């Protein structure tokens, strides 16, 4: 064979072998790069390419891939921190926020949305479609792009709560002015009537020339003034109680022993349940005790006011627990019968009462105490079982 042909064949074989080795090396490196990105897509950063006992080229490649991994890992961690930060901000606001895709799936929401829509979980808009029509909810909707997809951002706010706060603030300002003016006017009148009544009852006045009929008429008039003034002072003092709730001094206290003390003050058997047993609340215990005591008193009076014996055993129940937002809930329930709707809608209005001797300040003052404490007091009724429940929420 010609020597030149042999040389060419040998060179071709060398070239083919080199190409095969190069191709295999290239394939191995491509697999390493693919492995890197597949692992990162799955959130797995536990791997590490070895840099010991390797040839120079492999060491350079492995070091570079490890650096890329560390860079992407750091970037992902920073992104997760930012997402957590934004999530905390969203959950801290009182405005409900939902992100909804084109199929009405709820992709994201904050805690306020759960509270406003009274839901434990939100996955699809059909769950809350009817609740979104509530006239007390203000709804604002905007379009946006999220990861290349069209989404709707729905913002919810409780209009009734805002109106309620504004209404109460206006009431308080007005009542303070009225209290000041009425107290300045009535106090001296009441004091004068007391003085005249004492003089009228003394022996000196009875020895005067005035007739007994004139004396009796004067006495009757003074007694009327005194009675009217005393009643008006009591009325104004109730106003004062409503508008001058002490500034809460919150502290931690165990709920179950607290409820047991409240039940001892109630002239009725009370069922108590606290879950967990060591449930703690952070609030002004003295102010909360005023609220619970008033609700228990009302429950006992509801049983005493029944025209006939109840068909079931008279029951008052105190149930304490926490909700999804970790607020402490105290439900004060009784089965003395339901409150009529026309009365239930007015029971928290100051001085509204259906009791002949009632002041109409108890429930409105209790709600005001919960308001200044950052919580709430509300009424719910189970019409199926005839159970009335006043719910105290301690945030």
Protein backbone atom coordinates (compact mmCIF):
# COMPACT_ATOMS: atom_id res chain seq x y z
CA UNK A 1 0.00 0.00 0.00
CA UNK A 2 1.15 3.48 -0.77
CA UNK A 3 2.75 5.10 2.27
CA UNK A 4 0.81 8.31 1.65
CA UNK A 5 -2.49 6.46 1.82
CA UNK A 6 -1.46 4.84 5.07
CA UNK A 7 -0.62 8.24 6.57
CA UNK A 8 -3.96 9.66 5.48
CA UNK A 9 -5.85 6.71 6.95
CA UNK A 10 -3.98 7.01 10.25
CA UNK A 11 -4.68 10.74 10.40
CA UNK A 12 -8.35 10.13 9.69
CA UNK A 13 -8.53 7.52 12.44
CA UNK A 14 -6.86 9.90 14.89
CA UNK A 15 -9.28 12.65 13.88
CA UNK A 16 -12.30 10.36 14.29
CA UNK A 17 -11.13 9.14 17.71
CA UNK A 18 -10.49 12.73 18.81
CA UNK A 19 -13.86 13.82 17.55
CA UNK A 20 -15.60 10.98 19.37
CA UNK A 21 -13.80 11.85 22.59
CA UNK A 22 -14.61 15.53 22.15
CA UNK A 23 -18.26 14.75 21.42
CA UNK A 24 -18.51 12.53 24.49
CA UNK A 25 -16.91 15.26 26.60
CA UNK A 26 -19.31 17.80 25.16
CA UNK A 27 -22.29 15.52 25.90
CA UNK A 28 -21.16 15.02 29.51
CA UNK A 29 -20.85 18.77 30.01
CA UNK A 30 -24.25 19.41 28.44
CA UNK A 31 -25.78 16.87 30.84
CA UNK A 32 -24.14 18.64 33.78
CA UNK A 33 -25.55 22.01 32.71
CA UNK A 34 -29.00 20.45 32.15
CA UNK A 35 -28.84 18.81 35.59
CA UNK A 36 -27.98 22.20 37.11
CA UNK A 37 -31.03 23.95 35.67
CA UNK A 38 -33.40 21.04 36.29
CA UNK A 39 -32.40 20.96 39.96
CA UNK A 40 -32.83 24.74 40.28
CA UNK A 41 -36.28 24.56 38.64
CA UNK A 42 -37.26 22.04 41.33
CA UNK A 43 -35.86 24.25 44.08
CA UNK A 44 -33.09 21.77 44.91
CA UNK A 45 -29.79 23.46 45.82
CA UNK A 46 -28.34 20.59 47.83
CA UNK A 47 -26.06 19.36 45.01
CA UNK A 48 -22.44 20.35 44.43
CA UNK A 49 -20.13 19.53 41.52
CA UNK A 50 -16.83 17.93 42.71
CA UNK A 51 -13.62 19.86 42.12
CA UNK A 52 -11.12 17.36 43.50
CA UNK A 53 -9.27 14.64 41.57
CA UNK A 54 -10.45 16.06 38.27
CA UNK A 55 -8.56 17.21 35.21
CA UNK A 56 -8.04 20.89 34.72
CA UNK A 57 -10.86 21.38 32.24
CA UNK A 58 -13.41 19.57 34.46
CA UNK A 59 -12.31 21.57 37.49
CA UNK A 60 -12.84 24.85 35.65
CA UNK A 61 -16.29 23.74 34.46
CA UNK A 62 -17.37 22.44 37.88
CA UNK A 63 -16.21 25.57 39.66
CA UNK A 64 -18.14 27.70 37.18
CA UNK A 65 -21.31 25.63 37.58
CA UNK A 66 -21.01 25.81 41.39
CA UNK A 67 -20.69 29.59 41.18
CA UNK A 68 -23.80 29.78 38.99
CA UNK A 69 -25.67 27.61 41.50
CA UNK A 70 -24.68 29.84 44.44
CA UNK A 71 -25.65 32.97 42.54
CA UNK A 72 -29.08 31.59 41.59
CA UNK A 73 -29.60 30.21 45.10
CA UNK A 74 -28.89 33.62 46.61
CA UNK A 75 -31.22 35.30 44.09
CA UNK A 76 -34.03 32.83 44.90
CA UNK A 77 -33.61 33.33 48.65
CA UNK A 78 -33.78 37.09 48.23
CA UNK A 79 -36.91 36.74 46.13
CA UNK A 80 -38.55 34.52 48.77
CA UNK A 81 -37.70 37.05 51.49
CA UNK A 82 -39.29 39.82 49.44
CA UNK A 83 -42.40 37.72 48.82
CA UNK A 84 -42.66 36.97 52.55
CA UNK A 85 -42.21 40.64 53.33
CA UNK A 86 -44.96 41.67 50.90
CA UNK A 87 -47.21 38.93 52.25
CA UNK A 88 -46.80 40.26 55.80
CA UNK A 89 -47.65 43.76 54.59
CA UNK A 90 -50.80 42.51 52.84
CA UNK A 91 -51.90 40.57 55.92
CA UNK A 92 -51.35 43.62 58.14
CA UNK A 93 -53.90 45.81 56.33
CA UNK A 94 -57.65 45.80 56.98
CA UNK A 95 -58.41 45.88 53.26
CA UNK A 96 -59.20 42.53 51.64
CA UNK A 97 -57.20 41.64 48.53
CA UNK A 98 -57.77 38.75 46.10
CA UNK A 99 -55.96 37.85 42.87
CA UNK A 100 -58.29 35.97 40.49
CA UNK A 101 -57.39 34.37 37.14
CA UNK A 102 -59.52 34.19 33.98
CA UNK A 103 -61.19 30.98 35.22
CA UNK A 104 -62.24 32.63 38.52
CA UNK A 105 -59.65 30.68 40.49
CA UNK A 106 -58.38 32.67 43.48
CA UNK A 107 -54.60 32.58 43.13
CA UNK A 108 -53.78 34.61 46.22
CA UNK A 109 -55.54 36.44 49.05
CA UNK A 110 -54.76 38.04 52.38
CA UNK A 111 -56.19 37.44 55.85
CA UNK A 112 -58.49 40.48 55.64
CA UNK A 113 -60.25 38.90 52.62
CA UNK A 114 -60.99 35.79 54.69
CA UNK A 115 -62.36 37.91 57.52
CA UNK A 116 -64.50 40.20 55.37
CA UNK A 117 -65.95 37.27 53.42
CA UNK A 118 -66.30 35.11 56.56
CA UNK A 119 -64.44 32.22 54.92
CA UNK A 120 -61.87 29.74 56.19
CA UNK A 121 -60.33 29.16 52.76
CA UNK A 122 -60.63 30.83 49.36
CA UNK A 123 -59.98 28.85 46.18
CA UNK A 124 -62.70 29.93 43.71
CA UNK A 125 -64.85 33.03 43.32
CA UNK A 126 -68.03 30.91 43.37
CA UNK A 127 -67.47 30.33 47.09
CA UNK A 128 -68.11 33.98 47.86
CA UNK A 129 -70.03 35.29 44.86
CA UNK A 130 -73.14 36.04 46.93
CA UNK A 131 -71.15 37.60 49.77
CA UNK A 132 -69.48 39.94 47.30
CA UNK A 133 -72.93 41.44 46.64
CA UNK A 134 -73.22 42.52 50.29
CA UNK A 135 -74.02 46.24 50.40
CA UNK A 136 -71.67 46.67 53.37
CA UNK A 137 -68.70 45.62 51.22
CA UNK A 138 -67.10 48.14 48.87
CA UNK A 139 -65.48 46.33 45.94
CA UNK A 140 -62.89 47.72 43.53
CA UNK A 141 -61.51 45.63 40.67
CA UNK A 142 -58.54 46.19 38.36
CA UNK A 143 -56.84 44.20 35.58
CA UNK A 144 -53.18 43.20 35.59
CA UNK A 145 -50.65 40.80 34.04
CA UNK A 146 -49.10 38.15 36.27
CA UNK A 147 -46.50 35.80 34.79
CA UNK A 148 -47.86 36.42 31.33
CA UNK A 149 -51.50 35.76 32.33
CA UNK A 150 -54.39 38.18 32.70
CA UNK A 151 -55.62 38.42 36.29
CA UNK A 152 -58.09 40.53 38.23
CA UNK A 153 -57.10 42.17 41.51
CA UNK A 154 -60.19 42.59 43.72
CA UNK A 155 -59.95 44.98 46.67
CA UNK A 156 -62.56 44.78 49.46
CA UNK A 157 -63.31 47.14 52.33
CA UNK A 158 -65.95 47.13 55.07
CA UNK A 159 -68.03 50.26 54.51
CA UNK A 160 -70.33 49.59 57.47
CA UNK A 161 -67.36 49.48 59.85
CA UNK A 162 -66.06 52.82 58.59
CA UNK A 163 -69.52 54.40 58.78
CA UNK A 164 -70.02 52.92 62.25
CA UNK A 165 -66.76 54.42 63.52
CA UNK A 166 -67.59 57.83 62.04
CA UNK A 167 -71.08 57.68 63.51
CA UNK A 168 -69.81 56.77 66.97
CA UNK A 169 -67.16 59.51 66.88
CA UNK A 170 -69.84 62.06 65.95
CA UNK A 171 -72.07 60.81 68.75
CA UNK A 172 -69.26 61.11 71.27
CA UNK A 173 -68.45 64.72 70.31
CA UNK A 174 -72.11 65.72 70.46
CA UNK A 175 -72.76 63.93 73.74
CA UNK A 176 -69.76 65.56 75.44
CA UNK A 177 -71.12 69.00 74.58
CA UNK A 178 -74.61 68.07 75.79
CA UNK A 179 -73.22 66.58 79.00
CA UNK A 180 -71.28 69.72 79.84
CA UNK A 181 -74.21 72.06 79.21
CA UNK A 182 -76.84 69.94 80.98
CA UNK A 183 -74.67 69.31 84.03
CA UNK A 184 -73.99 73.04 84.46
CA UNK A 185 -77.72 73.77 84.27
CA UNK A 186 -79.21 70.97 86.33
CA UNK A 187 -76.74 70.67 89.21
CA UNK A 188 -77.65 73.98 90.91
CA UNK A 189 -81.38 73.39 90.35
CA UNK A 190 -81.20 70.00 92.08
CA UNK A 191 -79.15 71.43 94.92
CA UNK A 192 -81.60 74.32 95.43
CA UNK A 193 -84.62 72.02 95.46
CA UNK A 194 -83.01 69.85 98.14
CA UNK A 195 -82.35 72.91 100.27
CA UNK A 196 -85.92 74.21 99.96
CA UNK A 197 -87.34 70.79 100.77
CA UNK A 198 -85.31 70.69 103.99
CA UNK A 199 -86.54 74.15 104.97
CA UNK A 200 -90.11 73.22 104.12
CA UNK A 201 -89.92 70.22 106.42
CA UNK A 202 -88.50 72.28 109.30
CA UNK A 203 -90.72 73.56 112.20
CA UNK A 204 -90.02 77.23 111.43
CA UNK A 205 -91.70 77.10 108.03
CA UNK A 206 -94.76 75.33 109.39
CA UNK A 207 -95.32 78.11 112.00
CA UNK A 208 -95.49 80.73 109.26
CA UNK A 209 -98.76 82.29 108.09
CA UNK A 210 -98.96 80.37 104.81
CA UNK A 211 -101.85 77.96 104.56
CA UNK A 212 -101.41 74.22 104.60
CA UNK A 213 -102.72 74.07 101.01
CA UNK A 214 -100.03 76.49 99.85
CA UNK A 215 -97.40 74.54 101.71
CA UNK A 216 -98.56 71.28 100.18
CA UNK A 217 -98.55 72.79 96.69
CA UNK A 218 -95.05 74.21 97.19
CA UNK A 219 -93.83 70.91 98.53
CA UNK A 220 -95.30 69.01 95.60
CA UNK A 221 -93.67 71.38 93.11
CA UNK A 222 -90.29 71.16 94.78
CA UNK A 223 -90.51 67.39 94.90
CA UNK A 224 -91.27 67.38 91.18
CA UNK A 225 -88.27 69.59 90.49
CA UNK A 226 -86.06 67.40 92.60
CA UNK A 227 -87.30 64.18 91.00
CA UNK A 228 -86.91 65.58 87.48
CA UNK A 229 -83.45 66.91 88.22
CA UNK A 230 -82.33 63.62 89.77
CA UNK A 231 -83.58 61.62 86.78
CA UNK A 232 -81.88 64.00 84.37
CA UNK A 233 -78.61 63.75 86.29
CA UNK A 234 -78.81 59.96 86.11
CA UNK A 235 -79.46 60.25 82.38
CA UNK A 236 -76.44 62.51 81.90
CA UNK A 237 -74.25 60.25 84.01
CA UNK A 238 -75.14 57.38 81.68
CA UNK A 239 -74.05 59.58 78.79
CA UNK A 240 -70.78 60.18 80.60
CA UNK A 241 -70.22 56.47 81.10
CA UNK A 242 -70.68 55.93 77.36
CA UNK A 243 -68.32 58.73 76.28
CA UNK A 244 -65.64 58.39 78.96
CA UNK A 245 -64.58 54.77 78.79
CA UNK A 246 -61.21 54.49 80.59
CA UNK A 247 -58.14 54.00 78.44
CA UNK A 248 -57.53 50.23 78.32
CA UNK A 249 -54.52 48.91 80.23
CA UNK A 250 -54.00 45.55 78.48
CA UNK A 251 -52.18 42.64 80.09
CA UNK A 252 -52.09 38.87 79.63
CA UNK A 253 -54.59 36.82 81.63
CA UNK A 254 -55.88 33.24 81.53
CA UNK A 255 -59.37 33.14 80.05
CA UNK A 256 -60.86 30.07 81.78
CA UNK A 257 -60.26 31.24 85.40
CA UNK A 258 -61.55 34.66 84.34
CA UNK A 259 -64.80 33.15 83.03
CA UNK A 260 -65.16 31.07 86.18
CA UNK A 261 -65.01 34.25 88.27
CA UNK A 262 -67.60 35.89 86.04
CA UNK A 263 -69.91 32.87 86.39
CA UNK A 264 -69.69 33.00 90.20
CA UNK A 265 -71.14 36.52 90.10
CA UNK A 266 -74.09 35.30 88.01
CA UNK A 267 -77.19 34.11 89.88
CA UNK A 268 -77.60 31.20 87.49
CA UNK A 269 -75.85 28.01 86.49
CA UNK A 270 -73.34 28.74 83.71
CA UNK A 271 -71.61 26.21 81.47
CA UNK A 272 -67.97 27.12 80.74
CA UNK A 273 -65.73 25.82 77.98
CA UNK A 274 -62.28 27.16 77.02
CA UNK A 275 -60.16 25.65 74.25
CA UNK A 276 -57.32 25.30 74.91
CA UNK A 277 -57.54 25.13 78.70
CA UNK A 278 -54.57 27.50 79.04
CA UNK A 279 -55.99 30.05 76.59
CA UNK A 280 -54.49 33.51 77.12
CA UNK A 281 -55.95 36.89 76.21
CA UNK A 282 -54.20 40.25 76.00
CA UNK A 283 -56.67 42.93 77.08
CA UNK A 284 -57.83 45.06 80.00
CA UNK A 285 -59.34 42.36 82.21
CA UNK A 286 -61.34 44.89 84.25
CA UNK A 287 -63.03 46.35 81.16
CA UNK A 288 -63.71 42.92 79.62
CA UNK A 289 -65.23 41.79 82.93
CA UNK A 290 -67.70 44.68 82.71
CA UNK A 291 -68.80 43.48 79.28
CA UNK A 292 -69.14 39.80 80.27
CA UNK A 293 -70.95 40.67 83.51
CA UNK A 294 -73.47 42.81 81.64
CA UNK A 295 -74.13 40.07 79.07
CA UNK A 296 -74.62 37.46 81.80
CA UNK A 297 -76.98 39.80 83.67
CA UNK A 298 -79.02 40.29 80.51
CA UNK A 299 -79.17 36.52 79.96
CA UNK A 300 -80.49 35.93 83.50
CA UNK A 301 -83.05 38.72 83.08
CA UNK A 302 -84.17 37.14 79.79
CA UNK A 303 -85.03 33.93 81.67
CA UNK A 304 -86.71 35.83 84.52
CA UNK A 305 -88.83 37.73 82.01
CA UNK A 306 -90.27 34.63 80.34
CA UNK A 307 -94.06 34.42 80.58
CA UNK A 308 -93.99 30.61 80.78
CA UNK A 309 -91.57 27.87 81.74
CA UNK A 310 -89.04 27.06 78.95
CA UNK A 311 -89.64 23.77 77.14
CA UNK A 312 -85.93 22.93 77.44
CA UNK A 313 -83.53 23.35 80.32
CA UNK A 314 -82.53 26.98 80.79
CA UNK A 315 -78.92 27.23 79.68
CA UNK A 316 -76.28 29.98 79.76
CA UNK A 317 -72.97 29.11 78.15
CA UNK A 318 -69.55 30.79 78.03
CA UNK A 319 -67.37 29.43 75.22
CA UNK A 320 -63.84 30.77 74.64
CA UNK A 321 -61.60 29.87 71.70
CA UNK A 322 -59.44 31.40 68.94
CA UNK A 323 -60.21 32.00 65.27
CA UNK A 324 -58.01 31.76 62.16
CA UNK A 325 -56.60 35.24 62.83
CA UNK A 326 -55.59 34.14 66.37
CA UNK A 327 -58.07 36.53 67.98
CA UNK A 328 -59.65 35.35 71.25
CA UNK A 329 -63.42 34.82 70.97
CA UNK A 330 -65.80 34.65 73.93
CA UNK A 331 -69.36 33.59 73.05
CA UNK A 332 -72.03 34.32 75.67
CA UNK A 333 -75.07 32.21 74.69
CA UNK A 334 -78.49 31.46 76.16
CA UNK A 335 -81.63 29.64 75.07
CA UNK A 336 -84.12 32.03 76.66
CA UNK A 337 -85.59 32.80 73.25
CA UNK A 338 -84.73 34.93 70.26
CA UNK A 339 -84.69 38.72 70.22
CA UNK A 340 -87.22 40.01 67.63
CA UNK A 341 -85.56 41.43 64.52
CA UNK A 342 -87.01 44.93 65.01
CA UNK A 343 -85.49 45.04 68.50
CA UNK A 344 -82.22 43.27 67.62
CA UNK A 345 -81.38 45.96 65.07
CA UNK A 346 -81.52 48.66 67.79
CA UNK A 347 -80.08 46.99 70.90
CA UNK A 348 -76.64 48.62 70.55
CA UNK A 349 -78.06 52.15 70.14
CA UNK A 350 -77.44 54.24 73.30
CA UNK A 351 -80.52 54.52 75.58
CA UNK A 352 -82.66 52.13 73.57
CA UNK A 353 -84.34 49.73 75.99
CA UNK A 354 -87.42 47.53 76.27
CA UNK A 355 -87.15 47.24 80.08
CA UNK A 356 -89.35 49.53 82.20
CA UNK A 357 -86.48 50.25 84.58
CA UNK A 358 -83.66 49.93 82.03
CA UNK A 359 -81.24 52.72 81.17
CA UNK A 360 -80.45 51.47 77.66
CA UNK A 361 -76.74 52.03 78.26
CA UNK A 362 -75.51 48.50 79.03
CA UNK A 363 -75.05 47.02 75.56
CA UNK A 364 -74.01 50.29 73.91
CA UNK A 365 -71.41 50.84 76.65
CA UNK A 366 -70.20 47.24 76.29
CA UNK A 367 -69.74 47.70 72.54
CA UNK A 368 -67.95 51.00 73.15
CA UNK A 369 -65.58 49.25 75.60
CA UNK A 370 -64.76 46.62 72.98
CA UNK A 371 -64.29 49.32 70.35
CA UNK A 372 -61.73 51.30 72.39
CA UNK A 373 -60.07 47.97 73.24
CA UNK A 374 -59.55 47.25 69.54
CA UNK A 375 -62.09 44.40 69.52
CA UNK A 376 -65.79 44.06 68.79
CA UNK A 377 -69.13 42.95 70.22
CA UNK A 378 -71.85 41.54 67.97
CA UNK A 379 -75.12 39.61 68.13
CA UNK A 380 -75.98 36.40 66.27
CA UNK A 381 -79.06 34.21 66.62
CA UNK A 382 -79.58 30.55 65.79
CA UNK A 383 -83.22 30.57 64.77
CA UNK A 384 -83.26 26.79 64.32
CA UNK A 385 -82.35 26.05 67.95
CA UNK A 386 -83.54 29.31 69.52
CA UNK A 387 -80.10 30.32 70.81
CA UNK A 388 -78.97 33.93 71.20
CA UNK A 389 -75.21 34.57 71.20
CA UNK A 390 -73.27 37.74 71.96
CA UNK A 391 -69.75 37.42 70.54
CA UNK A 392 -66.80 39.24 72.12
CA UNK A 393 -63.73 39.44 69.87
CA UNK A 394 -60.41 40.36 71.52
CA UNK A 395 -57.85 41.13 68.82
